């Protein structure tokens, strides 16, 4: 599915509420609770959705979102990125999603949502992903979470190491599989 500001919806502005509504529509279209799979901003949105609607999903696989995006440096970066984007017309058509994301996630604590979850969680991060800075805090917030760190991969671990990412996804699906049926995967 495409979140606001992504893919076929690139012309839309990103909001967390818009992302959550998109995920909710996808989850409701499933005949059984799905596994949410989210990369980067999609991971933060998937985690926020699971924190609010945990009984609607079978599990959550999060990638490239093991950092808290908060504090004065993030606010400053958001303001500077917005001005540079406007003044210099850099970043291409979809660059606004970065500043929109920083605004939407200001004050959001993924750790608070992680602590609320009762379903299985897996973190899959590239070893060189700067968005895994708080991975140790995620492990502490949810001690039972599976954590996979993929060597030689960065933020976009699914494209840097597609075989390792797919293997982690299939292993997690197998773990979630009830005796007769498997959950479907929904990606954000």
C-alpha atoms as a PDB file:
ATOM      1  CA  UNK A   1       0.000   0.000   0.000  1.00  0.00           C
ATOM      2  CA  UNK A   2       1.146   3.537  -0.597  1.00  0.00           C
ATOM      3  CA  UNK A   3       1.123   5.886   2.361  1.00  0.00           C
ATOM      4  CA  UNK A   4       0.383   9.569   1.747  1.00  0.00           C
ATOM      5  CA  UNK A   5       3.421  11.154   0.073  1.00  0.00           C
ATOM      6  CA  UNK A   6       4.581   7.823  -1.409  1.00  0.00           C
ATOM      7  CA  UNK A   7       4.193   5.988  -4.730  1.00  0.00           C
ATOM      8  CA  UNK A   8       0.878   6.684  -6.437  1.00  0.00           C
ATOM      9  CA  UNK A   9       0.048   9.102  -3.589  1.00  0.00           C
ATOM     10  CA  UNK A  10       3.238  11.157  -3.936  1.00  0.00           C
ATOM     11  CA  UNK A  11       1.255  14.353  -4.557  1.00  0.00           C
ATOM     12  CA  UNK A  12      -0.448  14.061  -1.153  1.00  0.00           C
ATOM     13  CA  UNK A  13       1.081  15.504   1.982  1.00  0.00           C
ATOM     14  CA  UNK A  14       2.060  12.985   4.657  1.00  0.00           C
ATOM     15  CA  UNK A  15       0.233  13.011   7.980  1.00  0.00           C
ATOM     16  CA  UNK A  16       0.363  10.316  10.614  1.00  0.00           C
ATOM     17  CA  UNK A  17      -3.435  10.203  10.752  1.00  0.00           C
ATOM     18  CA  UNK A  18      -3.570   9.735   6.964  1.00  0.00           C
ATOM     19  CA  UNK A  19      -1.026   6.918   7.206  1.00  0.00           C
ATOM     20  CA  UNK A  20      -2.966   5.241  10.027  1.00  0.00           C
ATOM     21  CA  UNK A  21      -6.203   5.459   8.009  1.00  0.00           C
ATOM     22  CA  UNK A  22      -4.439   3.841   5.039  1.00  0.00           C
ATOM     23  CA  UNK A  23      -3.105   1.007   7.181  1.00  0.00           C
ATOM     24  CA  UNK A  24      -6.500   0.559   8.822  1.00  0.00           C
ATOM     25  CA  UNK A  25      -8.215   0.182   5.435  1.00  0.00           C
ATOM     26  CA  UNK A  26      -5.651  -2.444   4.403  1.00  0.00           C
ATOM     27  CA  UNK A  27      -5.958  -4.349   7.693  1.00  0.00           C
ATOM     28  CA  UNK A  28      -9.761  -4.311   7.499  1.00  0.00           C
ATOM     29  CA  UNK A  29      -9.595  -5.750   3.977  1.00  0.00           C
ATOM     30  CA  UNK A  30      -7.897  -8.903   5.330  1.00  0.00           C
ATOM     31  CA  UNK A  31      -9.980 -11.903   6.343  1.00  0.00           C
ATOM     32  CA  UNK A  32      -7.679 -12.542   9.319  1.00  0.00           C
ATOM     33  CA  UNK A  33      -5.226 -10.406  11.304  1.00  0.00           C
ATOM     34  CA  UNK A  34      -2.206  -9.668   9.088  1.00  0.00           C
ATOM     35  CA  UNK A  35       1.465  -9.249   9.823  1.00  0.00           C
ATOM     36  CA  UNK A  36       2.279  -5.555   9.399  1.00  0.00           C
ATOM     37  CA  UNK A  37       5.621  -4.997   7.694  1.00  0.00           C
ATOM     38  CA  UNK A  38       6.940  -1.449   7.718  1.00  0.00           C
ATOM     39  CA  UNK A  39      10.186   0.094   6.508  1.00  0.00           C
ATOM     40  CA  UNK A  40      11.400   3.462   7.770  1.00  0.00           C
ATOM     41  CA  UNK A  41       8.437   5.848   7.943  1.00  0.00           C
ATOM     42  CA  UNK A  42       6.175   2.878   7.178  1.00  0.00           C
ATOM     43  CA  UNK A  43       7.678   1.159  10.214  1.00  0.00           C
ATOM     44  CA  UNK A  44       6.918   4.084  12.494  1.00  0.00           C
ATOM     45  CA  UNK A  45       3.366   4.225  11.078  1.00  0.00           C
ATOM     46  CA  UNK A  46       2.933   0.444  11.488  1.00  0.00           C
ATOM     47  CA  UNK A  47       4.137   0.628  15.082  1.00  0.00           C
ATOM     48  CA  UNK A  48       1.767   3.526  15.830  1.00  0.00           C
ATOM     49  CA  UNK A  49      -1.098   1.557  14.256  1.00  0.00           C
ATOM     50  CA  UNK A  50      -0.283  -1.590  16.250  1.00  0.00           C
ATOM     51  CA  UNK A  51      -0.076   0.506  19.424  1.00  0.00           C
ATOM     52  CA  UNK A  52      -3.649   1.678  18.830  1.00  0.00           C
ATOM     53  CA  UNK A  53      -5.135  -1.458  17.234  1.00  0.00           C
ATOM     54  CA  UNK A  54      -3.014  -4.328  18.543  1.00  0.00           C
ATOM     55  CA  UNK A  55      -5.889  -6.806  18.465  1.00  0.00           C
ATOM     56  CA  UNK A  56      -6.241  -6.262  14.692  1.00  0.00           C
ATOM     57  CA  UNK A  57      -2.787  -7.557  13.710  1.00  0.00           C
ATOM     58  CA  UNK A  58      -0.958 -10.858  14.155  1.00  0.00           C
ATOM     59  CA  UNK A  59       2.462  -9.260  14.521  1.00  0.00           C
ATOM     60  CA  UNK A  60       4.679  -6.391  13.437  1.00  0.00           C
ATOM     61  CA  UNK A  61       7.952  -6.503  11.500  1.00  0.00           C
ATOM     62  CA  UNK A  62       9.773  -3.181  11.712  1.00  0.00           C
ATOM     63  CA  UNK A  63      12.775  -2.157   9.663  1.00  0.00           C
ATOM     64  CA  UNK A  64      14.782   1.050   9.597  1.00  0.00           C
ATOM     65  CA  UNK A  65      12.849   2.664  12.441  1.00  0.00           C
ATOM     66  CA  UNK A  66      14.739   1.805  15.628  1.00  0.00           C
ATOM     67  CA  UNK A  67      15.429   5.398  16.618  1.00  0.00           C
ATOM     68  CA  UNK A  68      13.388   7.946  18.478  1.00  0.00           C
ATOM     69  CA  UNK A  69      12.834  10.994  16.307  1.00  0.00           C
ATOM     70  CA  UNK A  70      12.569  13.746  18.854  1.00  0.00           C
ATOM     71  CA  UNK A  71      14.291  16.604  20.540  1.00  0.00           C
ATOM     72  CA  UNK A  72      15.640  19.977  19.521  1.00  0.00           C
ATOM     73  CA  UNK A  73      18.045  18.667  16.842  1.00  0.00           C
ATOM     74  CA  UNK A  74      15.133  17.070  14.968  1.00  0.00           C
ATOM     75  CA  UNK A  75      13.049  20.248  15.150  1.00  0.00           C
ATOM     76  CA  UNK A  76      15.978  22.285  13.886  1.00  0.00           C
ATOM     77  CA  UNK A  77      16.632  19.789  11.073  1.00  0.00           C
ATOM     78  CA  UNK A  78      12.943  19.926  10.084  1.00  0.00           C
ATOM     79  CA  UNK A  79      12.982  23.724   9.874  1.00  0.00           C
ATOM     80  CA  UNK A  80      16.275  23.836   7.957  1.00  0.00           C
ATOM     81  CA  UNK A  81      15.223  21.045   5.562  1.00  0.00           C
ATOM     82  CA  UNK A  82      11.936  22.805   4.877  1.00  0.00           C
ATOM     83  CA  UNK A  83      13.605  26.141   4.131  1.00  0.00           C
ATOM     84  CA  UNK A  84      16.368  24.641   1.993  1.00  0.00           C
ATOM     85  CA  UNK A  85      13.791  22.627   0.051  1.00  0.00           C
ATOM     86  CA  UNK A  86      11.656  25.723  -0.557  1.00  0.00           C
ATOM     87  CA  UNK A  87      14.485  28.152  -1.318  1.00  0.00           C
ATOM     88  CA  UNK A  88      16.654  25.950  -3.494  1.00  0.00           C
ATOM     89  CA  UNK A  89      13.955  23.705  -4.934  1.00  0.00           C
ATOM     90  CA  UNK A  90      16.009  20.633  -4.039  1.00  0.00           C
ATOM     91  CA  UNK A  91      14.935  17.156  -3.120  1.00  0.00           C
ATOM     92  CA  UNK A  92      12.658  16.433  -6.040  1.00  0.00           C
ATOM     93  CA  UNK A  93       8.899  16.176  -6.062  1.00  0.00           C
ATOM     94  CA  UNK A  94       8.626  13.902  -3.021  1.00  0.00           C
ATOM     95  CA  UNK A  95      11.082  15.659  -0.692  1.00  0.00           C
ATOM     96  CA  UNK A  96       8.229  17.243   1.268  1.00  0.00           C
ATOM     97  CA  UNK A  97       7.568  13.822   2.783  1.00  0.00           C
ATOM     98  CA  UNK A  98      10.783  14.177   4.833  1.00  0.00           C
ATOM     99  CA  UNK A  99       9.754  17.475   6.405  1.00  0.00           C
ATOM    100  CA  UNK A 100       6.145  16.272   6.751  1.00  0.00           C
ATOM    101  CA  UNK A 101       7.397  13.107   8.489  1.00  0.00           C
ATOM    102  CA  UNK A 102       9.539  15.077  10.913  1.00  0.00           C
ATOM    103  CA  UNK A 103       6.577  17.312  11.735  1.00  0.00           C
ATOM    104  CA  UNK A 104       4.137  14.384  12.046  1.00  0.00           C
ATOM    105  CA  UNK A 105       6.416  12.385  14.338  1.00  0.00           C
ATOM    106  CA  UNK A 106       7.405  15.314  16.553  1.00  0.00           C
ATOM    107  CA  UNK A 107       6.561  14.242  20.072  1.00  0.00           C
ATOM    108  CA  UNK A 108       5.745  10.666  19.015  1.00  0.00           C
ATOM    109  CA  UNK A 109       7.456   7.973  21.085  1.00  0.00           C
ATOM    110  CA  UNK A 110       7.742   4.639  19.317  1.00  0.00           C
ATOM    111  CA  UNK A 111       8.959   3.154  22.600  1.00  0.00           C
ATOM    112  CA  UNK A 112       5.636   3.932  24.289  1.00  0.00           C
ATOM    113  CA  UNK A 113       3.764   2.060  21.538  1.00  0.00           C
ATOM    114  CA  UNK A 114       6.276  -0.780  21.619  1.00  0.00           C
ATOM    115  CA  UNK A 115       5.718  -1.265  25.355  1.00  0.00           C
ATOM    116  CA  UNK A 116       1.944  -1.579  24.755  1.00  0.00           C
ATOM    117  CA  UNK A 117       2.225  -4.379  22.208  1.00  0.00           C
ATOM    118  CA  UNK A 118       1.273  -7.912  23.121  1.00  0.00           C
ATOM    119  CA  UNK A 119       1.775  -9.488  19.685  1.00  0.00           C
ATOM    120  CA  UNK A 120       5.097 -10.776  18.294  1.00  0.00           C
ATOM    121  CA  UNK A 121       7.511  -8.108  17.048  1.00  0.00           C
ATOM    122  CA  UNK A 122      10.576  -8.434  14.864  1.00  0.00           C
ATOM    123  CA  UNK A 123      13.135  -5.719  14.163  1.00  0.00           C
ATOM    124  CA  UNK A 124      15.167  -6.110  10.982  1.00  0.00           C
ATOM    125  CA  UNK A 125      17.876  -3.488  10.554  1.00  0.00           C
ATOM    126  CA  UNK A 126      20.904  -3.038   8.362  1.00  0.00           C
ATOM    127  CA  UNK A 127      24.115  -2.886  10.365  1.00  0.00           C
ATOM    128  CA  UNK A 128      24.929   0.543   8.896  1.00  0.00           C
ATOM    129  CA  UNK A 129      21.458   2.042   9.285  1.00  0.00           C
ATOM    130  CA  UNK A 130      21.615   5.320  11.235  1.00  0.00           C
ATOM    131  CA  UNK A 131      17.995   4.696  12.256  1.00  0.00           C
ATOM    132  CA  UNK A 132      19.046   1.871  14.570  1.00  0.00           C
ATOM    133  CA  UNK A 133      20.690   4.190  17.087  1.00  0.00           C
ATOM    134  CA  UNK A 134      18.118   3.322  19.763  1.00  0.00           C
ATOM    135  CA  UNK A 135      17.881  -0.378  18.950  1.00  0.00           C
ATOM    136  CA  UNK A 136      19.098  -1.197  22.469  1.00  0.00           C
ATOM    137  CA  UNK A 137      16.211   0.872  23.881  1.00  0.00           C
ATOM    138  CA  UNK A 138      13.756  -1.037  21.685  1.00  0.00           C
ATOM    139  CA  UNK A 139      15.179  -4.319  22.988  1.00  0.00           C
ATOM    140  CA  UNK A 140      14.708  -3.082  26.552  1.00  0.00           C
ATOM    141  CA  UNK A 141      11.153  -1.859  25.838  1.00  0.00           C
ATOM    142  CA  UNK A 142      10.168  -5.245  24.412  1.00  0.00           C
ATOM    143  CA  UNK A 143      12.548  -7.964  25.631  1.00  0.00           C
ATOM    144  CA  UNK A 144      10.761 -10.690  23.631  1.00  0.00           C
ATOM    145  CA  UNK A 145      11.173  -8.961  20.275  1.00  0.00           C
ATOM    146  CA  UNK A 146      13.197 -10.785  17.650  1.00  0.00           C
ATOM    147  CA  UNK A 147      16.095  -8.679  16.378  1.00  0.00           C
ATOM    148  CA  UNK A 148      17.923  -9.311  13.131  1.00  0.00           C
ATOM    149  CA  UNK A 149      20.862  -7.122  12.147  1.00  0.00           C
ATOM    150  CA  UNK A 150      21.826  -7.664   8.529  1.00  0.00           C
ATOM    151  CA  UNK A 151      25.572  -7.256   7.846  1.00  0.00           C
ATOM    152  CA  UNK A 152      26.650  -5.044   4.924  1.00  0.00           C
ATOM    153  CA  UNK A 153      23.229  -3.364   4.719  1.00  0.00           C
ATOM    154  CA  UNK A 154      22.128   0.186   5.405  1.00  0.00           C
ATOM    155  CA  UNK A 155      18.778   1.865   5.935  1.00  0.00           C
ATOM    156  CA  UNK A 156      17.039   0.238   2.959  1.00  0.00           C
ATOM    157  CA  UNK A 157      17.861  -3.261   4.144  1.00  0.00           C
ATOM    158  CA  UNK A 158      15.162  -4.773   1.907  1.00  0.00           C
ATOM    159  CA  UNK A 159      16.993  -3.535  -1.214  1.00  0.00           C
ATOM    160  CA  UNK A 160      20.570  -3.746   0.132  1.00  0.00           C
ATOM    161  CA  UNK A 161      20.127  -7.376   1.211  1.00  0.00           C
ATOM    162  CA  UNK A 162      16.846  -8.654  -0.278  1.00  0.00           C
ATOM    163  CA  UNK A 163      17.573 -12.330   0.387  1.00  0.00           C
ATOM    164  CA  UNK A 164      18.328 -11.735   4.082  1.00  0.00           C
ATOM    165  CA  UNK A 165      15.290  -9.476   4.467  1.00  0.00           C
ATOM    166  CA  UNK A 166      12.982 -11.961   2.751  1.00  0.00           C
ATOM    167  CA  UNK A 167      14.396 -14.811   4.824  1.00  0.00           C
ATOM    168  CA  UNK A 168      13.692 -12.892   8.044  1.00  0.00           C
ATOM    169  CA  UNK A 169      10.157 -12.131   6.827  1.00  0.00           C
ATOM    170  CA  UNK A 170       9.433 -15.761   5.900  1.00  0.00           C
ATOM    171  CA  UNK A 171      10.865 -17.035   9.206  1.00  0.00           C
ATOM    172  CA  UNK A 172       8.659 -14.585  11.106  1.00  0.00           C
ATOM    173  CA  UNK A 173       5.580 -15.596   9.095  1.00  0.00           C
ATOM    174  CA  UNK A 174       6.325 -19.238   9.888  1.00  0.00           C
ATOM    175  CA  UNK A 175       6.560 -18.398  13.586  1.00  0.00           C
ATOM    176  CA  UNK A 176       3.182 -16.644  13.434  1.00  0.00           C
ATOM    177  CA  UNK A 177       1.457 -19.364  11.442  1.00  0.00           C
ATOM    178  CA  UNK A 178      -1.443 -20.997  13.229  1.00  0.00           C
ATOM    179  CA  UNK A 179      -1.639 -24.754  12.681  1.00  0.00           C
ATOM    180  CA  UNK A 180      -3.804 -24.523   9.526  1.00  0.00           C
ATOM    181  CA  UNK A 181      -3.450 -21.004   8.095  1.00  0.00           C
ATOM    182  CA  UNK A 182      -0.773 -18.357   7.764  1.00  0.00           C
ATOM    183  CA  UNK A 183      -1.297 -14.620   8.279  1.00  0.00           C
ATOM    184  CA  UNK A 184      -1.049 -12.439   5.228  1.00  0.00           C
ATOM    185  CA  UNK A 185       1.605  -9.724   5.082  1.00  0.00           C
ATOM    186  CA  UNK A 186       0.621  -6.070   4.648  1.00  0.00           C
ATOM    187  CA  UNK A 187       3.459  -3.633   3.991  1.00  0.00           C
ATOM    188  CA  UNK A 188       3.589   0.091   4.632  1.00  0.00           C
END
